[in-house]
Amino acid sequence: MEIEKQRGISVATSVMGFDYNGYKSIFFDTPGHKDFAEDTYRTLTAVDSVILVIDCVKGVEEQTRKIDERLRMRNTPVIVFINKLDREGRDPFALLDELERELGYPYPPSHMAYRNRCSVPGRV
């Protein structure tokens, strides 16, 4: 969509499915921007679990809190994925503290990309 290219955001839900080890998985990519939140809220009524993508630089935003509130109301399991770790800005460990403080996610990361002073990417 042209508006998605112009604004650099998703404005409509897209769907992708695949088979893995005999199971069918279907992913819904929903808009995170508040102007298109109703599409996201409708999609949340049809899912079994969620991968909540958090921008490392922006952190927990107003819309993140609203989506999290709806997920809690429906008792939906959540995996948090921190995106854009390669960008300059916020310390990823500070974001983990923010996730715990603001959303109550006290879990340590299972995998974490990082960059050292030589800008060599790695994984913990």
PDB file of N, CA and C in Angstrom:
ATOM      1  N   MET A   1       0.839  -1.186   0.000  1.00  0.00           N
ATOM      2  CA  MET A   1       0.000   0.000   0.000  1.00  0.00           C
ATOM      3  C   MET A   1       0.879   1.243   0.000  1.00  0.00           C
ATOM      4  N   GLU A   2       0.427   2.224  -0.698  1.00  0.00           N
ATOM      5  CA  GLU A   2       1.189   3.463  -0.815  1.00  0.00           C
ATOM      6  C   GLU A   2       1.339   4.179   0.528  1.00  0.00           C
ATOM      7  N   ILE A   3       0.263   4.198   1.322  1.00  0.00           N
ATOM      8  CA  ILE A   3       0.327   4.876   2.625  1.00  0.00           C
ATOM      9  C   ILE A   3       1.341   4.200   3.551  1.00  0.00           C
ATOM     10  N   GLU A   4       1.474   2.878   3.448  1.00  0.00           N
ATOM     11  CA  GLU A   4       2.464   2.177   4.269  1.00  0.00           C
ATOM     12  C   GLU A   4       3.875   2.587   3.879  1.00  0.00           C
ATOM     13  N   LYS A   5       4.123   2.754   2.599  1.00  0.00           N
ATOM     14  CA  LYS A   5       5.441   3.189   2.134  1.00  0.00           C
ATOM     15  C   LYS A   5       5.723   4.615   2.587  1.00  0.00           C
ATOM     16  N   GLN A   6       4.735   5.477   2.484  1.00  0.00           N
ATOM     17  CA  GLN A   6       4.912   6.882   2.853  1.00  0.00           C
ATOM     18  C   GLN A   6       5.184   7.051   4.343  1.00  0.00           C
ATOM     19  N   ARG A   7       4.419   6.332   5.170  1.00  0.00           N
ATOM     20  CA  ARG A   7       4.521   6.511   6.621  1.00  0.00           C
ATOM     21  C   ARG A   7       5.474   5.530   7.287  1.00  0.00           C
ATOM     22  N   GLY A   8       5.867   4.468   6.559  1.00  0.00           N
ATOM     23  CA  GLY A   8       6.781   3.484   7.122  1.00  0.00           C
ATOM     24  C   GLY A   8       6.164   2.627   8.204  1.00  0.00           C
ATOM     25  N   ILE A   9       4.847   2.422   8.145  1.00  0.00           N
ATOM     26  CA  ILE A   9       4.131   1.627   9.138  1.00  0.00           C
ATOM     27  C   ILE A   9       3.126   0.721   8.427  1.00  0.00           C
ATOM     28  N   SER A  10       2.693  -0.325   9.127  1.00  0.00           N
ATOM     29  CA  SER A  10       1.614  -1.171   8.618  1.00  0.00           C
ATOM     30  C   SER A  10       0.292  -0.495   8.943  1.00  0.00           C
ATOM     31  N   VAL A  11      -0.642  -0.504   7.982  1.00  0.00           N
ATOM     32  CA  VAL A  11      -1.950   0.097   8.230  1.00  0.00           C
ATOM     33  C   VAL A  11      -3.073  -0.935   8.139  1.00  0.00           C
ATOM     34  N   ALA A  12      -2.747  -2.141   7.716  1.00  0.00           N
ATOM     35  CA  ALA A  12      -3.736  -3.211   7.628  1.00  0.00           C
ATOM     36  C   ALA A  12      -3.079  -4.519   8.053  1.00  0.00           C
ATOM     37  N   THR A  13      -3.883  -5.443   8.537  1.00  0.00           N
ATOM     38  CA  THR A  13      -3.371  -6.740   8.944  1.00  0.00           C
ATOM     39  C   THR A  13      -3.017  -7.580   7.726  1.00  0.00           C
ATOM     40  N   SER A  14      -1.855  -8.210   7.780  1.00  0.00           N
ATOM     41  CA  SER A  14      -1.480  -9.160   6.742  1.00  0.00           C
ATOM     42  C   SER A  14      -1.326 -10.530   7.397  1.00  0.00           C
ATOM     43  N   VAL A  15      -1.481 -11.586   6.606  1.00  0.00           N
ATOM     44  CA  VAL A  15      -1.498 -12.945   7.132  1.00  0.00           C
ATOM     45  C   VAL A  15      -0.493 -13.810   6.381  1.00  0.00           C
ATOM     46  N   MET A  16       0.229 -14.655   7.140  1.00  0.00           N
ATOM     47  CA  MET A  16       1.156 -15.612   6.547  1.00  0.00           C
ATOM     48  C   MET A  16       1.018 -16.921   7.306  1.00  0.00           C
ATOM     49  N   GLY A  17       0.937 -18.033   6.578  1.00  0.00           N
ATOM     50  CA  GLY A  17       0.843 -19.335   7.218  1.00  0.00           C
ATOM     51  C   GLY A  17       1.922 -20.269   6.711  1.00  0.00           C
ATOM     52  N   PHE A  18       2.290 -21.238   7.543  1.00  0.00           N
ATOM     53  CA  PHE A  18       3.261 -22.243   7.132  1.00  0.00           C
ATOM     54  C   PHE A  18       3.107 -23.488   7.993  1.00  0.00           C
ATOM     55  N   ASP A  19       3.568 -24.617   7.462  1.00  0.00           N
ATOM     56  CA  ASP A  19       3.571 -25.875   8.195  1.00  0.00           C
ATOM     57  C   ASP A  19       4.955 -26.122   8.758  1.00  0.00           C
ATOM     58  N   TYR A  20       5.001 -26.625   9.998  1.00  0.00           N
ATOM     59  CA  TYR A  20       6.274 -26.961  10.625  1.00  0.00           C
ATOM     60  C   TYR A  20       6.063 -28.149  11.549  1.00  0.00           C
ATOM     61  N   ASN A  21       6.782 -29.221  11.316  1.00  0.00           N
ATOM     62  CA  ASN A  21       6.684 -30.439  12.128  1.00  0.00           C
ATOM     63  C   ASN A  21       5.242 -30.919  12.309  1.00  0.00           C
ATOM     64  N   GLY A  22       4.477 -30.839  11.242  1.00  0.00           N
ATOM     65  CA  GLY A  22       3.102 -31.314  11.291  1.00  0.00           C
ATOM     66  C   GLY A  22       2.094 -30.349  11.883  1.00  0.00           C
ATOM     67  N   TYR A  23       2.530 -29.153  12.229  1.00  0.00           N
ATOM     68  CA  TYR A  23       1.632 -28.143  12.787  1.00  0.00           C
ATOM     69  C   TYR A  23       1.483 -26.990  11.807  1.00  0.00           C
ATOM     70  N   LYS A  24       0.298 -26.449  11.746  1.00  0.00           N
ATOM     71  CA  LYS A  24       0.026 -25.283  10.918  1.00  0.00           C
ATOM     72  C   LYS A  24       0.134 -24.044  11.790  1.00  0.00           C
ATOM     73  N   SER A  25       0.990 -23.115  11.397  1.00  0.00           N
ATOM     74  CA  SER A  25       1.126 -21.845  12.108  1.00  0.00           C
ATOM     75  C   SER A  25       0.643 -20.728  11.198  1.00  0.00           C
ATOM     76  N   ILE A  26      -0.071 -19.818  11.783  1.00  0.00           N
ATOM     77  CA  ILE A  26      -0.557 -18.658  11.033  1.00  0.00           C
ATOM     78  C   ILE A  26      -0.152 -17.411  11.800  1.00  0.00           C
ATOM     79  N   PHE A  27       0.534 -16.511  11.124  1.00  0.00           N
ATOM     80  CA  PHE A  27       0.964 -15.243  11.725  1.00  0.00           C
ATOM     81  C   PHE A  27       0.132 -14.106  11.158  1.00  0.00           C
ATOM     82  N   PHE A  28      -0.318 -13.242  12.042  1.00  0.00           N
ATOM     83  CA  PHE A  28      -1.014 -12.022  11.664  1.00  0.00           C
ATOM     84  C   PHE A  28      -0.096 -10.853  12.000  1.00  0.00           C
ATOM     85  N   ASP A  29       0.259 -10.073  11.020  1.00  0.00           N
ATOM     86  CA  ASP A  29       1.044  -8.864  11.259  1.00  0.00           C
ATOM     87  C   ASP A  29       0.063  -7.713  11.305  1.00  0.00           C
ATOM     88  N   THR A  30      -0.108  -7.155  12.499  1.00  0.00           N
ATOM     89  CA  THR A  30      -1.114  -6.107  12.673  1.00  0.00           C
ATOM     90  C   THR A  30      -0.452  -4.747  12.831  1.00  0.00           C
ATOM     91  N   PRO A  31      -1.198  -3.685  12.531  1.00  0.00           N
ATOM     92  CA  PRO A  31      -0.653  -2.342  12.715  1.00  0.00           C
ATOM     93  C   PRO A  31      -0.385  -2.054  14.186  1.00  0.00           C
ATOM     94  N   GLY A  32       0.734  -1.409  14.478  1.00  0.00           N
ATOM     95  CA  GLY A  32       1.036  -1.016  15.843  1.00  0.00           C
ATOM     96  C   GLY A  32       0.691   0.429  16.114  1.00  0.00           C
ATOM     97  N   HIS A  33       0.454   1.183  15.057  1.00  0.00           N
ATOM     98  CA  HIS A  33       0.163   2.610  15.200  1.00  0.00           C
ATOM     99  C   HIS A  33      -1.256   2.818  15.708  1.00  0.00           C
ATOM    100  N   LYS A  34      -1.430   3.774  16.595  1.00  0.00           N
ATOM    101  CA  LYS A  34      -2.730   3.993  17.228  1.00  0.00           C
ATOM    102  C   LYS A  34      -3.828   4.379  16.242  1.00  0.00           C
ATOM    103  N   ASP A  35      -3.475   4.981  15.113  1.00  0.00           N
ATOM    104  CA  ASP A  35      -4.488   5.362  14.126  1.00  0.00           C
ATOM    105  C   ASP A  35      -5.178   4.148  13.502  1.00  0.00           C
ATOM    106  N   PHE A  36      -4.554   2.974  13.616  1.00  0.00           N
ATOM    107  CA  PHE A  36      -5.092   1.769  12.994  1.00  0.00           C
ATOM    108  C   PHE A  36      -5.315   0.667  14.031  1.00  0.00           C
ATOM    109  N   ALA A  37      -5.546   1.056  15.273  1.00  0.00           N
ATOM    110  CA  ALA A  37      -5.634   0.118  16.386  1.00  0.00           C
ATOM    111  C   ALA A  37      -6.832  -0.827  16.305  1.00  0.00           C
ATOM    112  N   GLU A  38      -7.938  -0.388  15.759  1.00  0.00           N
ATOM    113  CA  GLU A  38      -9.126  -1.242  15.726  1.00  0.00           C
ATOM    114  C   GLU A  38      -8.871  -2.532  14.962  1.00  0.00           C
ATOM    115  N   ASP A  39      -8.073  -2.475  13.901  1.00  0.00           N
ATOM    116  CA  ASP A  39      -7.719  -3.675  13.147  1.00  0.00           C
ATOM    117  C   ASP A  39      -6.949  -4.641  14.047  1.00  0.00           C
ATOM    118  N   THR A  40      -6.045  -4.110  14.848  1.00  0.00           N
ATOM    119  CA  THR A  40      -5.275  -4.931  15.777  1.00  0.00           C
ATOM    120  C   THR A  40      -6.188  -5.553  16.834  1.00  0.00           C
ATOM    121  N   TYR A  41      -7.071  -4.773  17.418  1.00  0.00           N
ATOM    122  CA  TYR A  41      -7.961  -5.273  18.458  1.00  0.00           C
ATOM    123  C   TYR A  41      -8.866  -6.389  17.929  1.00  0.00           C
ATOM    124  N   ARG A  42      -9.374  -6.239  16.703  1.00  0.00           N
ATOM    125  CA  ARG A  42     -10.202  -7.290  16.110  1.00  0.00           C
ATOM    126  C   ARG A  42      -9.404  -8.576  15.940  1.00  0.00           C
ATOM    127  N   THR A  43      -8.163  -8.441  15.501  1.00  0.00           N
ATOM    128  CA  THR A  43      -7.320  -9.620  15.277  1.00  0.00           C
ATOM    129  C   THR A  43      -7.025 -10.340  16.590  1.00  0.00           C
ATOM    130  N   LEU A  44      -6.862  -9.601  17.677  1.00  0.00           N
ATOM    131  CA  LEU A  44      -6.542 -10.208  18.972  1.00  0.00           C
ATOM    132  C   LEU A  44      -7.636 -11.152  19.466  1.00  0.00           C
ATOM    133  N   THR A  45      -8.847 -11.007  18.951  1.00  0.00           N
ATOM    134  CA  THR A  45      -9.931 -11.900  19.373  1.00  0.00           C
ATOM    135  C   THR A  45      -9.813 -13.279  18.725  1.00  0.00           C
ATOM    136  N   ALA A  46      -8.939 -13.422  17.723  1.00  0.00           N
ATOM    137  CA  ALA A  46      -8.853 -14.671  16.973  1.00  0.00           C
ATOM    138  C   ALA A  46      -7.536 -15.419  17.159  1.00  0.00           C
ATOM    139  N   VAL A  47      -6.688 -14.982  18.075  1.00  0.00           N
ATOM    140  CA  VAL A  47      -5.363 -15.600  18.199  1.00  0.00           C
ATOM    141  C   VAL A  47      -5.241 -16.431  19.470  1.00  0.00           C
ATOM    142  N   ASP A  48      -4.316 -17.400  19.422  1.00  0.00           N
ATOM    143  CA  ASP A  48      -4.040 -18.243  20.578  1.00  0.00           C
ATOM    144  C   ASP A  48      -2.893 -17.696  21.417  1.00  0.00           C
ATOM    145  N   SER A  49      -1.999 -16.941  20.786  1.00  0.00           N
ATOM    146  CA  SER A  49      -0.857 -16.337  21.472  1.00  0.00           C
ATOM    147  C   SER A  49      -0.356 -15.173  20.633  1.00  0.00           C
ATOM    148  N   VAL A  50       0.578 -14.411  21.208  1.00  0.00           N
ATOM    149  CA  VAL A  50       1.037 -13.178  20.566  1.00  0.00           C
ATOM    150  C   VAL A  50       2.543 -13.038  20.690  1.00  0.00           C
ATOM    151  N   ILE A  51       3.162 -12.538  19.624  1.00  0.00           N
ATOM    152  CA  ILE A  51       4.542 -12.055  19.697  1.00  0.00           C
ATOM    153  C   ILE A  51       4.435 -10.535  19.691  1.00  0.00           C
ATOM    154  N   LEU A  52       4.717  -9.928  20.821  1.00  0.00           N
ATOM    155  CA  LEU A  52       4.618  -8.481  20.973  1.00  0.00           C
ATOM    156  C   LEU A  52       5.968  -7.872  20.616  1.00  0.00           C
ATOM    157  N   VAL A  53       6.004  -7.112  19.531  1.00  0.00           N
ATOM    158  CA  VAL A  53       7.255  -6.528  19.046  1.00  0.00           C
ATOM    159  C   VAL A  53       7.418  -5.132  19.640  1.00  0.00           C
ATOM    160  N   ILE A  54       8.540  -4.937  20.336  1.00  0.00           N
ATOM    161  CA  ILE A  54       8.845  -3.658  20.973  1.00  0.00           C
ATOM    162  C   ILE A  54      10.055  -3.048  20.270  1.00  0.00           C
ATOM    163  N   ASP A  55       9.947  -1.793  19.870  1.00  0.00           N
ATOM    164  CA  ASP A  55      11.051  -1.057  19.261  1.00  0.00           C
ATOM    165  C   ASP A  55      12.047  -0.698  20.361  1.00  0.00           C
ATOM    166  N   CYS A  56      13.283  -1.131  20.216  1.00  0.00           N
ATOM    167  CA  CYS A  56      14.292  -0.906  21.262  1.00  0.00           C
ATOM    168  C   CYS A  56      14.509   0.579  21.542  1.00  0.00           C
ATOM    169  N   VAL A  57      14.476   1.382  20.499  1.00  0.00           N
ATOM    170  CA  VAL A  57      14.736   2.813  20.679  1.00  0.00           C
ATOM    171  C   VAL A  57      13.532   3.528  21.294  1.00  0.00           C
ATOM    172  N   LYS A  58      12.322   3.204  20.831  1.00  0.00           N
ATOM    173  CA  LYS A  58      11.115   3.874  21.327  1.00  0.00           C
ATOM    174  C   LYS A  58      10.644   3.309  22.661  1.00  0.00           C
ATOM    175  N   GLY A  59      10.896   2.030  22.899  1.00  0.00           N
ATOM    176  CA  GLY A  59      10.495   1.425  24.160  1.00  0.00           C
ATOM    177  C   GLY A  59       9.000   1.189  24.248  1.00  0.00           C
ATOM    178  N   VAL A  60       8.493   1.134  25.469  1.00  0.00           N
ATOM    179  CA  VAL A  60       7.073   0.888  25.702  1.00  0.00           C
ATOM    180  C   VAL A  60       6.312   2.169  25.380  1.00  0.00           C
ATOM    181  N   GLU A  61       5.450   2.070  24.380  1.00  0.00           N
ATOM    182  CA  GLU A  61       4.669   3.230  23.947  1.00  0.00           C
ATOM    183  C   GLU A  61       3.241   3.120  24.466  1.00  0.00           C
ATOM    184  N   GLU A  62       2.483   4.182  24.300  1.00  0.00           N
ATOM    185  CA  GLU A  62       1.086   4.212  24.744  1.00  0.00           C
ATOM    186  C   GLU A  62       0.294   3.052  24.130  1.00  0.00           C
ATOM    187  N   GLN A  63       0.483   2.810  22.843  1.00  0.00           N
ATOM    188  CA  GLN A  63      -0.255   1.752  22.166  1.00  0.00           C
ATOM    189  C   GLN A  63       0.159   0.363  22.684  1.00  0.00           C
ATOM    190  N   THR A  64       1.424   0.219  23.050  1.00  0.00           N
ATOM    191  CA  THR A  64       1.906  -1.043  23.624  1.00  0.00           C
ATOM    192  C   THR A  64       1.142  -1.344  24.913  1.00  0.00           C
ATOM    193  N   ARG A  65       0.956  -0.324  25.737  1.00  0.00           N
ATOM    194  CA  ARG A  65       0.233  -0.503  27.005  1.00  0.00           C
ATOM    195  C   ARG A  65      -1.217  -0.917  26.759  1.00  0.00           C
ATOM    196  N   LYS A  66      -1.855  -0.287  25.774  1.00  0.00           N
ATOM    197  CA  LYS A  66      -3.255  -0.605  25.474  1.00  0.00           C
ATOM    198  C   LYS A  66      -3.401  -2.030  24.950  1.00  0.00           C
ATOM    199  N   ILE A  67      -2.496  -2.436  24.076  1.00  0.00           N
ATOM    200  CA  ILE A  67      -2.547  -3.803  23.555  1.00  0.00           C
ATOM    201  C   ILE A  67      -2.292  -4.800  24.674  1.00  0.00           C
ATOM    202  N   ASP A  68      -1.304  -4.510  25.520  1.00  0.00           N
ATOM    203  CA  ASP A  68      -1.002  -5.398  26.643  1.00  0.00           C
ATOM    204  C   ASP A  68      -2.218  -5.549  27.559  1.00  0.00           C
ATOM    205  N   GLU A  69      -2.930  -4.465  27.777  1.00  0.00           N
ATOM    206  CA  GLU A  69      -4.135  -4.510  28.622  1.00  0.00           C
ATOM    207  C   GLU A  69      -5.171  -5.472  28.037  1.00  0.00           C
ATOM    208  N   ARG A  70      -5.357  -5.412  26.733  1.00  0.00           N
ATOM    209  CA  ARG A  70      -6.326  -6.319  26.089  1.00  0.00           C
ATOM    210  C   ARG A  70      -5.847  -7.760  26.132  1.00  0.00           C
ATOM    211  N   LEU A  71      -4.551  -7.956  25.986  1.00  0.00           N
ATOM    212  CA  LEU A  71      -4.005  -9.313  26.050  1.00  0.00           C
ATOM    213  C   LEU A  71      -4.229  -9.905  27.440  1.00  0.00           C
ATOM    214  N   ARG A  72      -4.065  -9.102  28.461  1.00  0.00           N
ATOM    215  CA  ARG A  72      -4.277  -9.571  29.835  1.00  0.00           C
ATOM    216  C   ARG A  72      -5.753  -9.893  30.083  1.00  0.00           C
ATOM    217  N   MET A  73      -6.644  -9.069  29.529  1.00  0.00           N
ATOM    218  CA  MET A  73      -8.082  -9.320  29.687  1.00  0.00           C
ATOM    219  C   MET A  73      -8.460 -10.676  29.085  1.00  0.00           C
ATOM    220  N   ARG A  74      -7.822 -11.056  27.992  1.00  0.00           N
ATOM    221  CA  ARG A  74      -8.128 -12.317  27.302  1.00  0.00           C
ATOM    222  C   ARG A  74      -7.227 -13.461  27.775  1.00  0.00           C
ATOM    223  N   ASN A  75      -6.291 -13.159  28.703  1.00  0.00           N
ATOM    224  CA  ASN A  75      -5.348 -14.159  29.210  1.00  0.00           C
ATOM    225  C   ASN A  75      -4.557 -14.805  28.059  1.00  0.00           C
ATOM    226  N   THR A  76      -4.095 -13.975  27.135  1.00  0.00           N
ATOM    227  CA  THR A  76      -3.363 -14.434  25.957  1.00  0.00           C
ATOM    228  C   THR A  76      -1.875 -14.553  26.268  1.00  0.00           C
ATOM    229  N   PRO A  77      -1.268 -15.720  26.006  1.00  0.00           N
ATOM    230  CA  PRO A  77       0.182 -15.864  26.206  1.00  0.00           C
ATOM    231  C   PRO A  77       0.954 -14.906  25.290  1.00  0.00           C
ATOM    232  N   VAL A  78       2.039 -14.340  25.831  1.00  0.00           N
ATOM    233  CA  VAL A  78       2.809 -13.331  25.105  1.00  0.00           C
ATOM    234  C   VAL A  78       4.290 -13.692  25.090  1.00  0.00           C
ATOM    235  N   ILE A  79       4.897 -13.571  23.911  1.00  0.00           N
ATOM    236  CA  ILE A  79       6.350 -13.598  23.752  1.00  0.00           C
ATOM    237  C   ILE A  79       6.741 -12.184  23.364  1.00  0.00           C
ATOM    238  N   VAL A  80       7.692 -11.602  24.067  1.00  0.00           N
ATOM    239  CA  VAL A  80       8.146 -10.254  23.746  1.00  0.00           C
ATOM    240  C   VAL A  80       9.383 -10.364  22.857  1.00  0.00           C
ATOM    241  N   PHE A  81       9.344  -9.668  21.726  1.00  0.00           N
ATOM    242  CA  PHE A  81      10.474  -9.604  20.805  1.00  0.00           C
ATOM    243  C   PHE A  81      10.924  -8.150  20.736  1.00  0.00           C
ATOM    244  N   ILE A  82      12.175  -7.915  21.059  1.00  0.00           N
ATOM    245  CA  ILE A  82      12.694  -6.544  20.993  1.00  0.00           C
ATOM    246  C   ILE A  82      13.357  -6.355  19.642  1.00  0.00           C
ATOM    247  N   ASN A  83      12.827  -5.421  18.890  1.00  0.00           N
ATOM    248  CA  ASN A  83      13.246  -5.146  17.523  1.00  0.00           C
ATOM    249  C   ASN A  83      14.200  -3.942  17.482  1.00  0.00           C
ATOM    250  N   LYS A  84      14.972  -3.859  16.443  1.00  0.00           N
ATOM    251  CA  LYS A  84      15.846  -2.713  16.157  1.00  0.00           C
ATOM    252  C   LYS A  84      16.964  -2.548  17.186  1.00  0.00           C
ATOM    253  N   LEU A  85      17.509  -3.666  17.648  1.00  0.00           N
ATOM    254  CA  LEU A  85      18.633  -3.608  18.578  1.00  0.00           C
ATOM    255  C   LEU A  85      19.891  -3.045  17.925  1.00  0.00           C
ATOM    256  N   ASP A  86      19.913  -3.029  16.607  1.00  0.00           N
ATOM    257  CA  ASP A  86      21.090  -2.541  15.891  1.00  0.00           C
ATOM    258  C   ASP A  86      21.134  -1.020  15.794  1.00  0.00           C
ATOM    259  N   ARG A  87      20.098  -0.342  16.220  1.00  0.00           N
ATOM    260  CA  ARG A  87      20.055   1.117  16.133  1.00  0.00           C
ATOM    261  C   ARG A  87      20.664   1.763  17.373  1.00  0.00           C
ATOM    262  N   GLU A  88      21.256   2.914  17.163  1.00  0.00           N
ATOM    263  CA  GLU A  88      21.809   3.679  18.282  1.00  0.00           C
ATOM    264  C   GLU A  88      20.664   4.219  19.125  1.00  0.00           C
ATOM    265  N   GLY A  89      20.892   4.336  20.398  1.00  0.00           N
ATOM    266  CA  GLY A  89      19.864   4.894  21.268  1.00  0.00           C
ATOM    267  C   GLY A  89      19.846   4.234  22.614  1.00  0.00           C
ATOM    268  N   ARG A  90      18.722   3.665  22.957  1.00  0.00           N
ATOM    269  CA  ARG A  90      18.494   3.106  24.279  1.00  0.00           C
ATOM    270  C   ARG A  90      19.310   1.834  24.531  1.00  0.00           C
ATOM    271  N   ASP A  91      19.764   1.708  25.745  1.00  0.00           N
ATOM    272  CA  ASP A  91      20.430   0.489  26.189  1.00  0.00           C
ATOM    273  C   ASP A  91      19.372  -0.608  26.284  1.00  0.00           C
ATOM    274  N   PRO A  92      19.569  -1.754  25.622  1.00  0.00           N
ATOM    275  CA  PRO A  92      18.576  -2.825  25.664  1.00  0.00           C
ATOM    276  C   PRO A  92      18.255  -3.313  27.079  1.00  0.00           C
ATOM    277  N   PHE A  93      19.234  -3.275  27.976  1.00  0.00           N
ATOM    278  CA  PHE A  93      18.979  -3.710  29.346  1.00  0.00           C
ATOM    279  C   PHE A  93      18.080  -2.714  30.083  1.00  0.00           C
ATOM    280  N   ALA A  94      18.166  -1.441  29.723  1.00  0.00           N
ATOM    281  CA  ALA A  94      17.256  -0.448  30.293  1.00  0.00           C
ATOM    282  C   ALA A  94      15.834  -0.719  29.812  1.00  0.00           C
ATOM    283  N   LEU A  95      15.706  -1.175  28.556  1.00  0.00           N
ATOM    284  CA  LEU A  95      14.380  -1.514  28.038  1.00  0.00           C
ATOM    285  C   LEU A  95      13.809  -2.730  28.766  1.00  0.00           C
ATOM    286  N   LEU A  96      14.641  -3.701  29.090  1.00  0.00           N
ATOM    287  CA  LEU A  96      14.160  -4.853  29.864  1.00  0.00           C
ATOM    288  C   LEU A  96      13.623  -4.398  31.222  1.00  0.00           C
ATOM    289  N   ASP A  97      14.312  -3.450  31.851  1.00  0.00           N
ATOM    290  CA  ASP A  97      13.828  -2.886  33.115  1.00  0.00           C
ATOM    291  C   ASP A  97      12.487  -2.190  32.917  1.00  0.00           C
ATOM    292  N   GLU A  98      12.366  -1.446  31.798  1.00  0.00           N
ATOM    293  CA  GLU A  98      11.123  -0.741  31.504  1.00  0.00           C
ATOM    294  C   GLU A  98       9.972  -1.727  31.276  1.00  0.00           C
ATOM    295  N   LEU A  99      10.242  -2.820  30.571  1.00  0.00           N
ATOM    296  CA  LEU A  99       9.218  -3.836  30.339  1.00  0.00           C
ATOM    297  C   LEU A  99       8.721  -4.430  31.658  1.00  0.00           C
ATOM    298  N   GLU A 100       9.635  -4.646  32.576  1.00  0.00           N
ATOM    299  CA  GLU A 100       9.243  -5.184  33.871  1.00  0.00           C
ATOM    300  C   GLU A 100       8.468  -4.148  34.676  1.00  0.00           C
ATOM    301  N   ARG A 101       8.954  -2.916  34.686  1.00  0.00           N
ATOM    302  CA  ARG A 101       8.333  -1.845  35.473  1.00  0.00           C
ATOM    303  C   ARG A 101       6.945  -1.479  34.932  1.00  0.00           C
ATOM    304  N   GLU A 102       6.818  -1.322  33.619  1.00  0.00           N
ATOM    305  CA  GLU A 102       5.570  -0.813  33.047  1.00  0.00           C
ATOM    306  C   GLU A 102       4.563  -1.891  32.675  1.00  0.00           C
ATOM    307  N   LEU A 103       5.044  -3.067  32.262  1.00  0.00           N
ATOM    308  CA  LEU A 103       4.121  -4.106  31.818  1.00  0.00           C
ATOM    309  C   LEU A 103       4.139  -5.350  32.700  1.00  0.00           C
ATOM    310  N   GLY A 104       5.085  -5.398  33.644  1.00  0.00           N
ATOM    311  CA  GLY A 104       5.140  -6.538  34.537  1.00  0.00           C
ATOM    312  C   GLY A 104       5.749  -7.784  33.917  1.00  0.00           C
ATOM    313  N   TYR A 105       6.597  -7.622  32.905  1.00  0.00           N
ATOM    314  CA  TYR A 105       7.292  -8.757  32.285  1.00  0.00           C
ATOM    315  C   TYR A 105       8.664  -8.886  32.935  1.00  0.00           C
ATOM    316  N   PRO A 106       8.798  -9.748  33.955  1.00  0.00           N
ATOM    317  CA  PRO A 106      10.056  -9.842  34.694  1.00  0.00           C
ATOM    318  C   PRO A 106      11.031 -10.878  34.135  1.00  0.00           C
ATOM    319  N   TYR A 107      10.850 -11.260  32.885  1.00  0.00           N
ATOM    320  CA  TYR A 107      11.614 -12.374  32.345  1.00  0.00           C
ATOM    321  C   TYR A 107      12.935 -11.936  31.731  1.00  0.00           C
ATOM    322  N   PRO A 108      13.984 -12.704  31.969  1.00  0.00           N
ATOM    323  CA  PRO A 108      15.273 -12.400  31.337  1.00  0.00           C
ATOM    324  C   PRO A 108      15.219 -12.773  29.851  1.00  0.00           C
ATOM    325  N   PRO A 109      16.072 -12.187  29.037  1.00  0.00           N
ATOM    326  CA  PRO A 109      16.067 -12.518  27.610  1.00  0.00           C
ATOM    327  C   PRO A 109      16.563 -13.944  27.384  1.00  0.00           C
ATOM    328  N   SER A 110      15.987 -14.630  26.398  1.00  0.00           N
ATOM    329  CA  SER A 110      16.474 -15.968  26.070  1.00  0.00           C
ATOM    330  C   SER A 110      17.589 -15.875  25.037  1.00  0.00           C
ATOM    331  N   HIS A 111      17.508 -14.907  24.153  1.00  0.00           N
ATOM    332  CA  HIS A 111      18.560 -14.615  23.179  1.00  0.00           C
ATOM    333  C   HIS A 111      18.624 -13.105  23.038  1.00  0.00           C
ATOM    334  N   MET A 112      19.809 -12.612  22.821  1.00  0.00           N
ATOM    335  CA  MET A 112      19.928 -11.170  22.679  1.00  0.00           C
ATOM    336  C   MET A 112      21.081 -10.836  21.760  1.00  0.00           C
ATOM    337  N   ALA A 113      20.769 -10.107  20.717  1.00  0.00           N
ATOM    338  CA  ALA A 113      21.825  -9.639  19.823  1.00  0.00           C
ATOM    339  C   ALA A 113      22.507  -8.452  20.486  1.00  0.00           C
ATOM    340  N   TYR A 114      23.766  -8.276  20.190  1.00  0.00           N
ATOM    341  CA  TYR A 114      24.476  -7.134  20.752  1.00  0.00           C
ATOM    342  C   TYR A 114      25.585  -6.721  19.801  1.00  0.00           C
ATOM    343  N   ARG A 115      26.139  -5.569  20.041  1.00  0.00           N
ATOM    344  CA  ARG A 115      27.292  -5.086  19.284  1.00  0.00           C
ATOM    345  C   ARG A 115      28.343  -4.660  20.291  1.00  0.00           C
ATOM    346  N   ASN A 116      29.595  -5.034  19.999  1.00  0.00           N
ATOM    347  CA  ASN A 116      30.665  -4.585  20.883  1.00  0.00           C
ATOM    348  C   ASN A 116      31.303  -3.334  20.294  1.00  0.00           C
ATOM    349  N   ARG A 117      32.330  -2.859  20.857  1.00  0.00           N
ATOM    350  CA  ARG A 117      32.950  -1.616  20.398  1.00  0.00           C
ATOM    351  C   ARG A 117      33.443  -1.683  18.971  1.00  0.00           C
ATOM    352  N   CYS A 118      33.748  -2.873  18.505  1.00  0.00           N
ATOM    353  CA  CYS A 118      34.236  -3.045  17.135  1.00  0.00           C
ATOM    354  C   CYS A 118      33.076  -3.213  16.148  1.00  0.00           C
ATOM    355  N   SER A 119      31.863  -3.062  16.613  1.00  0.00           N
ATOM    356  CA  SER A 119      30.651  -3.215  15.788  1.00  0.00           C
ATOM    357  C   SER A 119      30.549  -4.602  15.172  1.00  0.00           C
ATOM    358  N   VAL A 120      31.045  -5.597  15.877  1.00  0.00           N
ATOM    359  CA  VAL A 120      30.887  -6.967  15.421  1.00  0.00           C
ATOM    360  C   VAL A 120      29.652  -7.532  16.078  1.00  0.00           C
ATOM    361  N   PRO A 121      28.622  -7.869  15.290  1.00  0.00           N
ATOM    362  CA  PRO A 121      27.404  -8.380  15.911  1.00  0.00           C
ATOM    363  C   PRO A 121      27.630  -9.737  16.545  1.00  0.00           C
ATOM    364  N   GLY A 122      26.889 -10.010  17.594  1.00  0.00           N
ATOM    365  CA  GLY A 122      26.958 -11.286  18.268  1.00  0.00           C
ATOM    366  C   GLY A 122      25.647 -11.642  18.885  1.00  0.00           C
ATOM    367  N   ARG A 123      25.633 -12.724  19.642  1.00  0.00           N
ATOM    368  CA  ARG A 123      24.400 -13.159  20.276  1.00  0.00           C
ATOM    369  C   ARG A 123      24.721 -13.730  21.646  1.00  0.00           C
ATOM    370  N   VAL A 124      23.904 -13.394  22.629  1.00  0.00           N
ATOM    371  CA  VAL A 124      24.054 -13.929  23.970  1.00  0.00           C
ATOM    372  C   VAL A 124      22.945 -14.954  24.184  1.00  0.00           C
TER     373      VAL A 124
END
